[in-house]
Amino acid sequence: MPHLFFVHVAKKDGDFDFTRRHKLSYYDDMAMTSLNISLPEALKSYVEGQVASGDWGTPSEYVRELIRQDKERRLGNLEQELVAAAKGPKIELPVAEIRRKGLLSALRERARQR
């Protein structure tokens, strides 16, 4: 069964430590629902071939695994971006500017000015 890893973030010597991971089942407490998708015949045959290889029991299992891998890849990219941002230059914003423009707008504007 696939698993999702939750990362414990801690500061370590002024740096972020993403090494402690907690393994939890990806599907724990998730109610299943269905979603119908349309595929060209070539992709349908490919999925059926993957299932026939024995690594997955059903096309649904194969698609769930692809989605899980995509989520993990995107979360990994986000993690790298967050670490880079945490190590990057600091942005100081006056409270009045945040109130006037909103936090995200003020941060984006400052980032563009650099």
PDB file of N, CA and C in Angstrom:
ATOM      1  N   MET A   1       0.849  -1.183   0.000  1.00  0.00           N
ATOM      2  CA  MET A   1       0.000   0.000   0.000  1.00  0.00           C
ATOM      3  C   MET A   1       0.891   1.242   0.000  1.00  0.00           C
ATOM      4  N   PRO A   2       0.576   2.272  -0.822  1.00  0.00           N
ATOM      5  CA  PRO A   2       1.380   3.485  -0.878  1.00  0.00           C
ATOM      6  C   PRO A   2       1.335   4.230   0.457  1.00  0.00           C
ATOM      7  N   HIS A   3       2.337   5.023   0.713  1.00  0.00           N
ATOM      8  CA  HIS A   3       2.417   5.777   1.949  1.00  0.00           C
ATOM      9  C   HIS A   3       2.746   7.228   1.660  1.00  0.00           C
ATOM     10  N   LEU A   4       2.299   8.103   2.545  1.00  0.00           N
ATOM     11  CA  LEU A   4       2.604   9.522   2.480  1.00  0.00           C
ATOM     12  C   LEU A   4       3.539   9.829   3.633  1.00  0.00           C
ATOM     13  N   PHE A   5       4.527  10.632   3.390  1.00  0.00           N
ATOM     14  CA  PHE A   5       5.478  10.981   4.415  1.00  0.00           C
ATOM     15  C   PHE A   5       5.221  12.408   4.871  1.00  0.00           C
ATOM     16  N   PHE A   6       5.008  12.597   6.169  1.00  0.00           N
ATOM     17  CA  PHE A   6       4.882  13.929   6.717  1.00  0.00           C
ATOM     18  C   PHE A   6       6.247  14.347   7.239  1.00  0.00           C
ATOM     19  N   VAL A   7       6.626  15.563   6.950  1.00  0.00           N
ATOM     20  CA  VAL A   7       7.957  16.033   7.292  1.00  0.00           C
ATOM     21  C   VAL A   7       7.889  16.879   8.555  1.00  0.00           C
ATOM     22  N   HIS A   8       8.765  16.587   9.478  1.00  0.00           N
ATOM     23  CA  HIS A   8       8.912  17.403  10.678  1.00  0.00           C
ATOM     24  C   HIS A   8       9.992  18.428  10.374  1.00  0.00           C
ATOM     25  N   VAL A   9       9.641  19.708  10.431  1.00  0.00           N
ATOM     26  CA  VAL A   9      10.593  20.769  10.109  1.00  0.00           C
ATOM     27  C   VAL A   9      11.149  21.326  11.407  1.00  0.00           C
ATOM     28  N   ALA A  10      12.447  21.384  11.502  1.00  0.00           N
ATOM     29  CA  ALA A  10      13.094  21.932  12.688  1.00  0.00           C
ATOM     30  C   ALA A  10      14.298  22.744  12.261  1.00  0.00           C
ATOM     31  N   LYS A  11      14.575  23.792  13.016  1.00  0.00           N
ATOM     32  CA  LYS A  11      15.777  24.578  12.758  1.00  0.00           C
ATOM     33  C   LYS A  11      16.958  23.829  13.349  1.00  0.00           C
ATOM     34  N   LYS A  12      18.035  23.726  12.593  1.00  0.00           N
ATOM     35  CA  LYS A  12      19.220  23.012  13.052  1.00  0.00           C
ATOM     36  C   LYS A  12      20.431  23.829  12.629  1.00  0.00           C
ATOM     37  N   ASP A  13      21.119  24.410  13.573  1.00  0.00           N
ATOM     38  CA  ASP A  13      22.295  25.228  13.292  1.00  0.00           C
ATOM     39  C   ASP A  13      21.984  26.327  12.275  1.00  0.00           C
ATOM     40  N   GLY A  14      20.839  27.008  12.444  1.00  0.00           N
ATOM     41  CA  GLY A  14      20.481  28.091  11.544  1.00  0.00           C
ATOM     42  C   GLY A  14      19.978  27.630  10.190  1.00  0.00           C
ATOM     43  N   ASP A  15      19.812  26.331  10.007  1.00  0.00           N
ATOM     44  CA  ASP A  15      19.348  25.785   8.734  1.00  0.00           C
ATOM     45  C   ASP A  15      18.102  24.956   9.008  1.00  0.00           C
ATOM     46  N   PHE A  16      17.337  24.661   7.987  1.00  0.00           N
ATOM     47  CA  PHE A  16      16.149  23.847   8.166  1.00  0.00           C
ATOM     48  C   PHE A  16      16.496  22.382   7.972  1.00  0.00           C
ATOM     49  N   ASP A  17      15.945  21.532   8.818  1.00  0.00           N
ATOM     50  CA  ASP A  17      16.207  20.106   8.782  1.00  0.00           C
ATOM     51  C   ASP A  17      14.930  19.382   8.370  1.00  0.00           C
ATOM     52  N   PHE A  18      14.943  18.799   7.179  1.00  0.00           N
ATOM     53  CA  PHE A  18      13.786  18.074   6.680  1.00  0.00           C
ATOM     54  C   PHE A  18      14.016  16.562   6.743  1.00  0.00           C
ATOM     55  N   THR A  19      14.884  16.112   7.626  1.00  0.00           N
ATOM     56  CA  THR A  19      15.271  14.705   7.619  1.00  0.00           C
ATOM     57  C   THR A  19      14.327  13.805   8.396  1.00  0.00           C
ATOM     58  N   ARG A  20      13.580  14.339   9.338  1.00  0.00           N
ATOM     59  CA  ARG A  20      12.693  13.491  10.132  1.00  0.00           C
ATOM     60  C   ARG A  20      11.358  13.359   9.417  1.00  0.00           C
ATOM     61  N   ARG A  21      11.056  12.167   8.957  1.00  0.00           N
ATOM     62  CA  ARG A  21       9.806  11.923   8.235  1.00  0.00           C
ATOM     63  C   ARG A  21       8.985  10.881   8.986  1.00  0.00           C
ATOM     64  N   HIS A  22       7.693  11.107   8.993  1.00  0.00           N
ATOM     65  CA  HIS A  22       6.784  10.191   9.662  1.00  0.00           C
ATOM     66  C   HIS A  22       5.972   9.471   8.600  1.00  0.00           C
ATOM     67  N   LYS A  23       6.018   8.160   8.596  1.00  0.00           N
ATOM     68  CA  LYS A  23       5.354   7.363   7.573  1.00  0.00           C
ATOM     69  C   LYS A  23       3.912   7.059   7.996  1.00  0.00           C
ATOM     70  N   LEU A  24       2.962   7.538   7.208  1.00  0.00           N
ATOM     71  CA  LEU A  24       1.559   7.261   7.453  1.00  0.00           C
ATOM     72  C   LEU A  24       0.944   6.706   6.180  1.00  0.00           C
ATOM     73  N   SER A  25      -0.007   5.829   6.324  1.00  0.00           N
ATOM     74  CA  SER A  25      -0.656   5.280   5.143  1.00  0.00           C
ATOM     75  C   SER A  25      -1.368   6.391   4.399  1.00  0.00           C
ATOM     76  N   TYR A  26      -1.169   6.430   3.094  1.00  0.00           N
ATOM     77  CA  TYR A  26      -1.731   7.489   2.266  1.00  0.00           C
ATOM     78  C   TYR A  26      -3.250   7.446   2.240  1.00  0.00           C
ATOM     79  N   TYR A  27      -3.838   6.286   2.373  1.00  0.00           N
ATOM     80  CA  TYR A  27      -5.276   6.157   2.242  1.00  0.00           C
ATOM     81  C   TYR A  27      -6.001   6.003   3.568  1.00  0.00           C
ATOM     82  N   ASP A  28      -5.304   6.140   4.705  1.00  0.00           N
ATOM     83  CA  ASP A  28      -5.973   6.038   5.999  1.00  0.00           C
ATOM     84  C   ASP A  28      -7.096   7.063   6.090  1.00  0.00           C
ATOM     85  N   ASP A  29      -8.240   6.610   6.546  1.00  0.00           N
ATOM     86  CA  ASP A  29      -9.397   7.478   6.784  1.00  0.00           C
ATOM     87  C   ASP A  29      -9.849   8.248   5.549  1.00  0.00           C
ATOM     88  N   MET A  30      -9.563   7.743   4.345  1.00  0.00           N
ATOM     89  CA  MET A  30     -10.023   8.399   3.129  1.00  0.00           C
ATOM     90  C   MET A  30     -11.171   7.590   2.542  1.00  0.00           C
ATOM     91  N   ALA A  31     -12.321   8.220   2.418  1.00  0.00           N
ATOM     92  CA  ALA A  31     -13.446   7.554   1.773  1.00  0.00           C
ATOM     93  C   ALA A  31     -13.177   7.541   0.274  1.00  0.00           C
ATOM     94  N   MET A  32     -13.472   6.438  -0.358  1.00  0.00           N
ATOM     95  CA  MET A  32     -13.271   6.330  -1.799  1.00  0.00           C
ATOM     96  C   MET A  32     -14.502   6.844  -2.527  1.00  0.00           C
ATOM     97  N   THR A  33     -14.274   7.479  -3.634  1.00  0.00           N
ATOM     98  CA  THR A  33     -15.337   7.917  -4.527  1.00  0.00           C
ATOM     99  C   THR A  33     -14.876   7.607  -5.939  1.00  0.00           C
ATOM    100  N   SER A  34     -15.708   7.827  -6.919  1.00  0.00           N
ATOM    101  CA  SER A  34     -15.294   7.468  -8.272  1.00  0.00           C
ATOM    102  C   SER A  34     -15.215   8.704  -9.158  1.00  0.00           C
ATOM    103  N   LEU A  35     -14.403   8.571 -10.198  1.00  0.00           N
ATOM    104  CA  LEU A  35     -14.202   9.618 -11.187  1.00  0.00           C
ATOM    105  C   LEU A  35     -14.017   8.927 -12.523  1.00  0.00           C
ATOM    106  N   ASN A  36     -14.830   9.259 -13.474  1.00  0.00           N
ATOM    107  CA  ASN A  36     -14.709   8.656 -14.804  1.00  0.00           C
ATOM    108  C   ASN A  36     -13.816   9.535 -15.665  1.00  0.00           C
ATOM    109  N   ILE A  37     -12.863   8.925 -16.357  1.00  0.00           N
ATOM    110  CA  ILE A  37     -11.983   9.668 -17.244  1.00  0.00           C
ATOM    111  C   ILE A  37     -12.028   9.041 -18.634  1.00  0.00           C
ATOM    112  N   SER A  38     -11.765   9.867 -19.629  1.00  0.00           N
ATOM    113  CA  SER A  38     -11.711   9.384 -21.008  1.00  0.00           C
ATOM    114  C   SER A  38     -10.262   9.350 -21.445  1.00  0.00           C
ATOM    115  N   LEU A  39      -9.870   8.245 -22.077  1.00  0.00           N
ATOM    116  CA  LEU A  39      -8.506   8.073 -22.571  1.00  0.00           C
ATOM    117  C   LEU A  39      -8.537   7.652 -24.027  1.00  0.00           C
ATOM    118  N   PRO A  40      -7.540   8.083 -24.794  1.00  0.00           N
ATOM    119  CA  PRO A  40      -7.413   7.513 -26.134  1.00  0.00           C
ATOM    120  C   PRO A  40      -7.112   6.012 -25.998  1.00  0.00           C
ATOM    121  N   GLU A  41      -7.420   5.251 -27.017  1.00  0.00           N
ATOM    122  CA  GLU A  41      -7.231   3.801 -26.974  1.00  0.00           C
ATOM    123  C   GLU A  41      -5.794   3.423 -26.614  1.00  0.00           C
ATOM    124  N   ALA A  42      -4.821   4.182 -27.139  1.00  0.00           N
ATOM    125  CA  ALA A  42      -3.411   3.856 -26.865  1.00  0.00           C
ATOM    126  C   ALA A  42      -3.088   3.991 -25.375  1.00  0.00           C
ATOM    127  N   LEU A  43      -3.610   5.014 -24.724  1.00  0.00           N
ATOM    128  CA  LEU A  43      -3.353   5.171 -23.284  1.00  0.00           C
ATOM    129  C   LEU A  43      -4.109   4.126 -22.476  1.00  0.00           C
ATOM    130  N   LYS A  44      -5.325   3.808 -22.892  1.00  0.00           N
ATOM    131  CA  LYS A  44      -6.090   2.760 -22.210  1.00  0.00           C
ATOM    132  C   LYS A  44      -5.330   1.437 -22.277  1.00  0.00           C
ATOM    133  N   SER A  45      -4.793   1.121 -23.442  1.00  0.00           N
ATOM    134  CA  SER A  45      -4.022  -0.114 -23.600  1.00  0.00           C
ATOM    135  C   SER A  45      -2.771  -0.087 -22.726  1.00  0.00           C
ATOM    136  N   TYR A  46      -2.135   1.072 -22.639  1.00  0.00           N
ATOM    137  CA  TYR A  46      -0.937   1.199 -21.811  1.00  0.00           C
ATOM    138  C   TYR A  46      -1.280   0.922 -20.341  1.00  0.00           C
ATOM    139  N   VAL A  47      -2.358   1.555 -19.850  1.00  0.00           N
ATOM    140  CA  VAL A  47      -2.772   1.353 -18.458  1.00  0.00           C
ATOM    141  C   VAL A  47      -3.086  -0.122 -18.224  1.00  0.00           C
ATOM    142  N   GLU A  48      -3.810  -0.733 -19.132  1.00  0.00           N
ATOM    143  CA  GLU A  48      -4.136  -2.149 -18.994  1.00  0.00           C
ATOM    144  C   GLU A  48      -2.867  -3.009 -18.986  1.00  0.00           C
ATOM    145  N   GLY A  49      -1.872  -2.623 -19.780  1.00  0.00           N
ATOM    146  CA  GLY A  49      -0.599  -3.339 -19.780  1.00  0.00           C
ATOM    147  C   GLY A  49       0.133  -3.206 -18.454  1.00  0.00           C
ATOM    148  N   GLN A  50       0.058  -2.012 -17.856  1.00  0.00           N
ATOM    149  CA  GLN A  50       0.688  -1.808 -16.548  1.00  0.00           C
ATOM    150  C   GLN A  50       0.018  -2.689 -15.495  1.00  0.00           C
ATOM    151  N   VAL A  51      -1.300  -2.769 -15.549  1.00  0.00           N
ATOM    152  CA  VAL A  51      -2.033  -3.620 -14.605  1.00  0.00           C
ATOM    153  C   VAL A  51      -1.675  -5.087 -14.845  1.00  0.00           C
ATOM    154  N   ALA A  52      -1.585  -5.474 -16.108  1.00  0.00           N
ATOM    155  CA  ALA A  52      -1.254  -6.864 -16.453  1.00  0.00           C
ATOM    156  C   ALA A  52       0.150  -7.244 -15.987  1.00  0.00           C
ATOM    157  N   SER A  53       1.028  -6.257 -15.811  1.00  0.00           N
ATOM    158  CA  SER A  53       2.393  -6.551 -15.353  1.00  0.00           C
ATOM    159  C   SER A  53       2.407  -7.090 -13.925  1.00  0.00           C
ATOM    160  N   GLY A  54       1.296  -6.887 -13.215  1.00  0.00           N
ATOM    161  CA  GLY A  54       1.198  -7.413 -11.852  1.00  0.00           C
ATOM    162  C   GLY A  54       1.560  -6.423 -10.765  1.00  0.00           C
ATOM    163  N   ASP A  55       2.048  -5.234 -11.130  1.00  0.00           N
ATOM    164  CA  ASP A  55       2.410  -4.254 -10.108  1.00  0.00           C
ATOM    165  C   ASP A  55       1.190  -3.580  -9.484  1.00  0.00           C
ATOM    166  N   TRP A  56       0.078  -3.566 -10.214  1.00  0.00           N
ATOM    167  CA  TRP A  56      -1.156  -2.959  -9.721  1.00  0.00           C
ATOM    168  C   TRP A  56      -2.286  -3.937  -9.956  1.00  0.00           C
ATOM    169  N   GLY A  57      -3.255  -3.924  -9.073  1.00  0.00           N
ATOM    170  CA  GLY A  57      -4.363  -4.847  -9.188  1.00  0.00           C
ATOM    171  C   GLY A  57      -5.452  -4.363 -10.135  1.00  0.00           C
ATOM    172  N   THR A  58      -5.598  -3.058 -10.237  1.00  0.00           N
ATOM    173  CA  THR A  58      -6.657  -2.482 -11.069  1.00  0.00           C
ATOM    174  C   THR A  58      -6.153  -1.193 -11.709  1.00  0.00           C
ATOM    175  N   PRO A  59      -6.824  -0.733 -12.764  1.00  0.00           N
ATOM    176  CA  PRO A  59      -6.471   0.569 -13.335  1.00  0.00           C
ATOM    177  C   PRO A  59      -6.595   1.696 -12.304  1.00  0.00           C
ATOM    178  N   SER A  60      -7.556   1.594 -11.410  1.00  0.00           N
ATOM    179  CA  SER A  60      -7.716   2.623 -10.372  1.00  0.00           C
ATOM    180  C   SER A  60      -6.484   2.700  -9.476  1.00  0.00           C
ATOM    181  N   GLU A  61      -5.942   1.556  -9.098  1.00  0.00           N
ATOM    182  CA  GLU A  61      -4.727   1.548  -8.272  1.00  0.00           C
ATOM    183  C   GLU A  61      -3.575   2.217  -9.008  1.00  0.00           C
ATOM    184  N   TYR A  62      -3.449   1.934 -10.293  1.00  0.00           N
ATOM    185  CA  TYR A  62      -2.381   2.524 -11.104  1.00  0.00           C
ATOM    186  C   TYR A  62      -2.532   4.044 -11.169  1.00  0.00           C
ATOM    187  N   VAL A  63      -3.743   4.521 -11.433  1.00  0.00           N
ATOM    188  CA  VAL A  63      -3.979   5.969 -11.527  1.00  0.00           C
ATOM    189  C   VAL A  63      -3.771   6.630 -10.171  1.00  0.00           C
ATOM    190  N   ARG A  64      -4.233   6.000  -9.083  1.00  0.00           N
ATOM    191  CA  ARG A  64      -3.994   6.564  -7.746  1.00  0.00           C
ATOM    192  C   ARG A  64      -2.507   6.704  -7.473  1.00  0.00           C
ATOM    193  N   GLU A  65      -1.724   5.716  -7.876  1.00  0.00           N
ATOM    194  CA  GLU A  65      -0.277   5.767  -7.677  1.00  0.00           C
ATOM    195  C   GLU A  65       0.343   6.914  -8.474  1.00  0.00           C
ATOM    196  N   LEU A  66      -0.099   7.107  -9.714  1.00  0.00           N
ATOM    197  CA  LEU A  66       0.413   8.221 -10.515  1.00  0.00           C
ATOM    198  C   LEU A  66       0.090   9.569  -9.865  1.00  0.00           C
ATOM    199  N   ILE A  67      -1.126   9.690  -9.359  1.00  0.00           N
ATOM    200  CA  ILE A  67      -1.523  10.937  -8.692  1.00  0.00           C
ATOM    201  C   ILE A  67      -0.691  11.146  -7.435  1.00  0.00           C
ATOM    202  N   ARG A  68      -0.500  10.082  -6.651  1.00  0.00           N
ATOM    203  CA  ARG A  68       0.304  10.194  -5.426  1.00  0.00           C
ATOM    204  C   ARG A  68       1.724  10.631  -5.758  1.00  0.00           C
ATOM    205  N   GLN A  69       2.316  10.027  -6.794  1.00  0.00           N
ATOM    206  CA  GLN A  69       3.678  10.400  -7.189  1.00  0.00           C
ATOM    207  C   GLN A  69       3.748  11.859  -7.643  1.00  0.00           C
ATOM    208  N   ASP A  70       2.738  12.307  -8.371  1.00  0.00           N
ATOM    209  CA  ASP A  70       2.695  13.702  -8.811  1.00  0.00           C
ATOM    210  C   ASP A  70       2.609  14.639  -7.611  1.00  0.00           C
ATOM    211  N   LYS A  71       1.763  14.286  -6.642  1.00  0.00           N
ATOM    212  CA  LYS A  71       1.652  15.114  -5.431  1.00  0.00           C
ATOM    213  C   LYS A  71       2.973  15.165  -4.677  1.00  0.00           C
ATOM    214  N   GLU A  72       3.634  14.018  -4.546  1.00  0.00           N
ATOM    215  CA  GLU A  72       4.920  13.982  -3.850  1.00  0.00           C
ATOM    216  C   GLU A  72       5.964  14.824  -4.574  1.00  0.00           C
ATOM    217  N   ARG A  73       5.975  14.750  -5.909  1.00  0.00           N
ATOM    218  CA  ARG A  73       6.924  15.539  -6.694  1.00  0.00           C
ATOM    219  C   ARG A  73       6.663  17.030  -6.487  1.00  0.00           C
ATOM    220  N   ARG A  74       5.401  17.420  -6.536  1.00  0.00           N
ATOM    221  CA  ARG A  74       5.055  18.831  -6.354  1.00  0.00           C
ATOM    222  C   ARG A  74       5.380  19.301  -4.941  1.00  0.00           C
ATOM    223  N   LEU A  75       5.104  18.469  -3.939  1.00  0.00           N
ATOM    224  CA  LEU A  75       5.438  18.831  -2.565  1.00  0.00           C
ATOM    225  C   LEU A  75       6.952  18.930  -2.377  1.00  0.00           C
ATOM    226  N   GLY A  76       7.699  18.043  -3.044  1.00  0.00           N
ATOM    227  CA  GLY A  76       9.159  18.114  -2.987  1.00  0.00           C
ATOM    228  C   GLY A  76       9.668  19.404  -3.593  1.00  0.00           C
ATOM    229  N   ASN A  77       9.081  19.805  -4.723  1.00  0.00           N
ATOM    230  CA  ASN A  77       9.472  21.074  -5.347  1.00  0.00           C
ATOM    231  C   ASN A  77       9.145  22.242  -4.431  1.00  0.00           C
ATOM    232  N   LEU A  78       7.959  22.205  -3.810  1.00  0.00           N
ATOM    233  CA  LEU A  78       7.570  23.261  -2.890  1.00  0.00           C
ATOM    234  C   LEU A  78       8.531  23.313  -1.703  1.00  0.00           C
ATOM    235  N   GLU A  79       8.903  22.141  -1.201  1.00  0.00           N
ATOM    236  CA  GLU A  79       9.848  22.073  -0.077  1.00  0.00           C
ATOM    237  C   GLU A  79      11.166  22.746  -0.448  1.00  0.00           C
ATOM    238  N   GLN A  80      11.669  22.459  -1.647  1.00  0.00           N
ATOM    239  CA  GLN A  80      12.923  23.073  -2.097  1.00  0.00           C
ATOM    240  C   GLN A  80      12.783  24.583  -2.224  1.00  0.00           C
ATOM    241  N   GLU A  81      11.650  25.039  -2.746  1.00  0.00           N
ATOM    242  CA  GLU A  81      11.423  26.473  -2.877  1.00  0.00           C
ATOM    243  C   GLU A  81      11.334  27.148  -1.512  1.00  0.00           C
ATOM    244  N   LEU A  82      10.684  26.488  -0.556  1.00  0.00           N
ATOM    245  CA  LEU A  82      10.578  27.059   0.792  1.00  0.00           C
ATOM    246  C   LEU A  82      11.939  27.146   1.467  1.00  0.00           C
ATOM    247  N   VAL A  83      12.757  26.128   1.306  1.00  0.00           N
ATOM    248  CA  VAL A  83      14.098  26.146   1.892  1.00  0.00           C
ATOM    249  C   VAL A  83      14.913  27.279   1.265  1.00  0.00           C
ATOM    250  N   ALA A  84      14.834  27.413  -0.068  1.00  0.00           N
ATOM    251  CA  ALA A  84      15.572  28.478  -0.750  1.00  0.00           C
ATOM    252  C   ALA A  84      15.091  29.847  -0.276  1.00  0.00           C
ATOM    253  N   ALA A  85      13.787  30.004  -0.112  1.00  0.00           N
ATOM    254  CA  ALA A  85      13.251  31.285   0.355  1.00  0.00           C
ATOM    255  C   ALA A  85      13.677  31.569   1.791  1.00  0.00           C
ATOM    256  N   ALA A  86      13.701  30.527   2.628  1.00  0.00           N
ATOM    257  CA  ALA A  86      14.102  30.713   4.024  1.00  0.00           C
ATOM    258  C   ALA A  86      15.566  31.114   4.131  1.00  0.00           C
ATOM    259  N   LYS A  87      16.384  30.652   3.187  1.00  0.00           N
ATOM    260  CA  LYS A  87      17.816  30.978   3.195  1.00  0.00           C
ATOM    261  C   LYS A  87      18.103  32.300   2.486  1.00  0.00           C
ATOM    262  N   GLY A  88      17.124  32.805   1.746  1.00  0.00           N
ATOM    263  CA  GLY A  88      17.308  34.009   0.943  1.00  0.00           C
ATOM    264  C   GLY A  88      17.240  35.276   1.779  1.00  0.00           C
ATOM    265  N   PRO A  89      17.348  36.404   1.094  1.00  0.00           N
ATOM    266  CA  PRO A  89      17.301  37.686   1.805  1.00  0.00           C
ATOM    267  C   PRO A  89      15.935  37.907   2.447  1.00  0.00           C
ATOM    268  N   LYS A  90      15.951  38.599   3.552  1.00  0.00           N
ATOM    269  CA  LYS A  90      14.721  38.865   4.289  1.00  0.00           C
ATOM    270  C   LYS A  90      14.036  40.094   3.702  1.00  0.00           C
ATOM    271  N   ILE A  91      12.721  40.086   3.756  1.00  0.00           N
ATOM    272  CA  ILE A  91      11.927  41.220   3.296  1.00  0.00           C
ATOM    273  C   ILE A  91      11.238  41.813   4.517  1.00  0.00           C
ATOM    274  N   GLU A  92      11.456  43.082   4.757  1.00  0.00           N
ATOM    275  CA  GLU A  92      10.796  43.762   5.868  1.00  0.00           C
ATOM    276  C   GLU A  92       9.693  44.638   5.320  1.00  0.00           C
ATOM    277  N   LEU A  93       8.530  44.515   5.915  1.00  0.00           N
ATOM    278  CA  LEU A  93       7.371  45.283   5.474  1.00  0.00           C
ATOM    279  C   LEU A  93       6.759  46.019   6.660  1.00  0.00           C
ATOM    280  N   PRO A  94       6.508  47.306   6.496  1.00  0.00           N
ATOM    281  CA  PRO A  94       5.800  48.019   7.562  1.00  0.00           C
ATOM    282  C   PRO A  94       4.354  47.518   7.668  1.00  0.00           C
ATOM    283  N   VAL A  95       3.830  47.482   8.862  1.00  0.00           N
ATOM    284  CA  VAL A  95       2.469  47.007   9.084  1.00  0.00           C
ATOM    285  C   VAL A  95       1.479  47.839   8.265  1.00  0.00           C
ATOM    286  N   ALA A  96       1.735  49.132   8.159  1.00  0.00           N
ATOM    287  CA  ALA A  96       0.829  50.000   7.397  1.00  0.00           C
ATOM    288  C   ALA A  96       0.760  49.563   5.932  1.00  0.00           C
ATOM    289  N   GLU A  97       1.891  49.157   5.359  1.00  0.00           N
ATOM    290  CA  GLU A  97       1.907  48.700   3.966  1.00  0.00           C
ATOM    291  C   GLU A  97       1.128  47.394   3.813  1.00  0.00           C
ATOM    292  N   ILE A  98       1.275  46.506   4.779  1.00  0.00           N
ATOM    293  CA  ILE A  98       0.541  45.238   4.747  1.00  0.00           C
ATOM    294  C   ILE A  98      -0.961  45.507   4.826  1.00  0.00           C
ATOM    295  N   ARG A  99      -1.358  46.427   5.694  1.00  0.00           N
ATOM    296  CA  ARG A  99      -2.784  46.751   5.828  1.00  0.00           C
ATOM    297  C   ARG A  99      -3.327  47.395   4.560  1.00  0.00           C
ATOM    298  N   ARG A 100      -2.519  48.221   3.919  1.00  0.00           N
ATOM    299  CA  ARG A 100      -2.946  48.949   2.724  1.00  0.00           C
ATOM    300  C   ARG A 100      -3.070  48.019   1.514  1.00  0.00           C
ATOM    301  N   LYS A 101      -2.074  47.146   1.317  1.00  0.00           N
ATOM    302  CA  LYS A 101      -1.999  46.332   0.103  1.00  0.00           C
ATOM    303  C   LYS A 101      -2.380  44.876   0.302  1.00  0.00           C
ATOM    304  N   GLY A 102      -2.334  44.416   1.509  1.00  0.00           N
ATOM    305  CA  GLY A 102      -2.504  42.984   1.778  1.00  0.00           C
ATOM    306  C   GLY A 102      -1.131  42.329   1.773  1.00  0.00           C
ATOM    307  N   LEU A 103      -0.955  41.301   2.559  1.00  0.00           N
ATOM    308  CA  LEU A 103       0.357  40.679   2.741  1.00  0.00           C
ATOM    309  C   LEU A 103       0.927  40.129   1.438  1.00  0.00           C
ATOM    310  N   LEU A 104       0.145  39.327   0.717  1.00  0.00           N
ATOM    311  CA  LEU A 104       0.676  38.710  -0.498  1.00  0.00           C
ATOM    312  C   LEU A 104       1.024  39.753  -1.555  1.00  0.00           C
ATOM    313  N   SER A 105       0.173  40.742  -1.734  1.00  0.00           N
ATOM    314  CA  SER A 105       0.454  41.786  -2.725  1.00  0.00           C
ATOM    315  C   SER A 105       1.719  42.554  -2.346  1.00  0.00           C
ATOM    316  N   ALA A 106       1.867  42.880  -1.075  1.00  0.00           N
ATOM    317  CA  ALA A 106       3.044  43.621  -0.623  1.00  0.00           C
ATOM    318  C   ALA A 106       4.314  42.789  -0.805  1.00  0.00           C
ATOM    319  N   LEU A 107       4.251  41.494  -0.488  1.00  0.00           N
ATOM    320  CA  LEU A 107       5.421  40.621  -0.665  1.00  0.00           C
ATOM    321  C   LEU A 107       5.790  40.478  -2.136  1.00  0.00           C
ATOM    322  N   ARG A 108       4.793  40.294  -2.981  1.00  0.00           N
ATOM    323  CA  ARG A 108       5.069  40.161  -4.417  1.00  0.00           C
ATOM    324  C   ARG A 108       5.707  41.433  -4.975  1.00  0.00           C
ATOM    325  N   GLU A 109       5.182  42.564  -4.564  1.00  0.00           N
ATOM    326  CA  GLU A 109       5.733  43.843  -5.044  1.00  0.00           C
ATOM    327  C   GLU A 109       7.191  44.008  -4.603  1.00  0.00           C
ATOM    328  N   ARG A 110       7.464  43.710  -3.352  1.00  0.00           N
ATOM    329  CA  ARG A 110       8.851  43.805  -2.857  1.00  0.00           C
ATOM    330  C   ARG A 110       9.766  42.835  -3.568  1.00  0.00           C
ATOM    331  N   ALA A 111       9.291  41.629  -3.824  1.00  0.00           N
ATOM    332  CA  ALA A 111      10.116  40.626  -4.509  1.00  0.00           C
ATOM    333  C   ALA A 111      10.438  41.089  -5.918  1.00  0.00           C
ATOM    334  N   ARG A 112       9.489  41.716  -6.607  1.00  0.00           N
ATOM    335  CA  ARG A 112       9.726  42.224  -7.972  1.00  0.00           C
ATOM    336  C   ARG A 112      10.736  43.373  -7.963  1.00  0.00           C
ATOM    337  N   GLN A 113      10.782  44.139  -6.886  1.00  0.00           N
ATOM    338  CA  GLN A 113      11.684  45.291  -6.803  1.00  0.00           C
ATOM    339  C   GLN A 113      13.133  44.871  -6.646  1.00  0.00           C
ATOM    340  N   ARG A 114      13.379  43.637  -6.220  1.00  0.00           N
ATOM    341  CA  ARG A 114      14.766  43.192  -6.010  1.00  0.00           C
ATOM    342  C   ARG A 114      15.469  42.911  -7.285  1.00  0.00           C
TER     343      ARG A 114
END
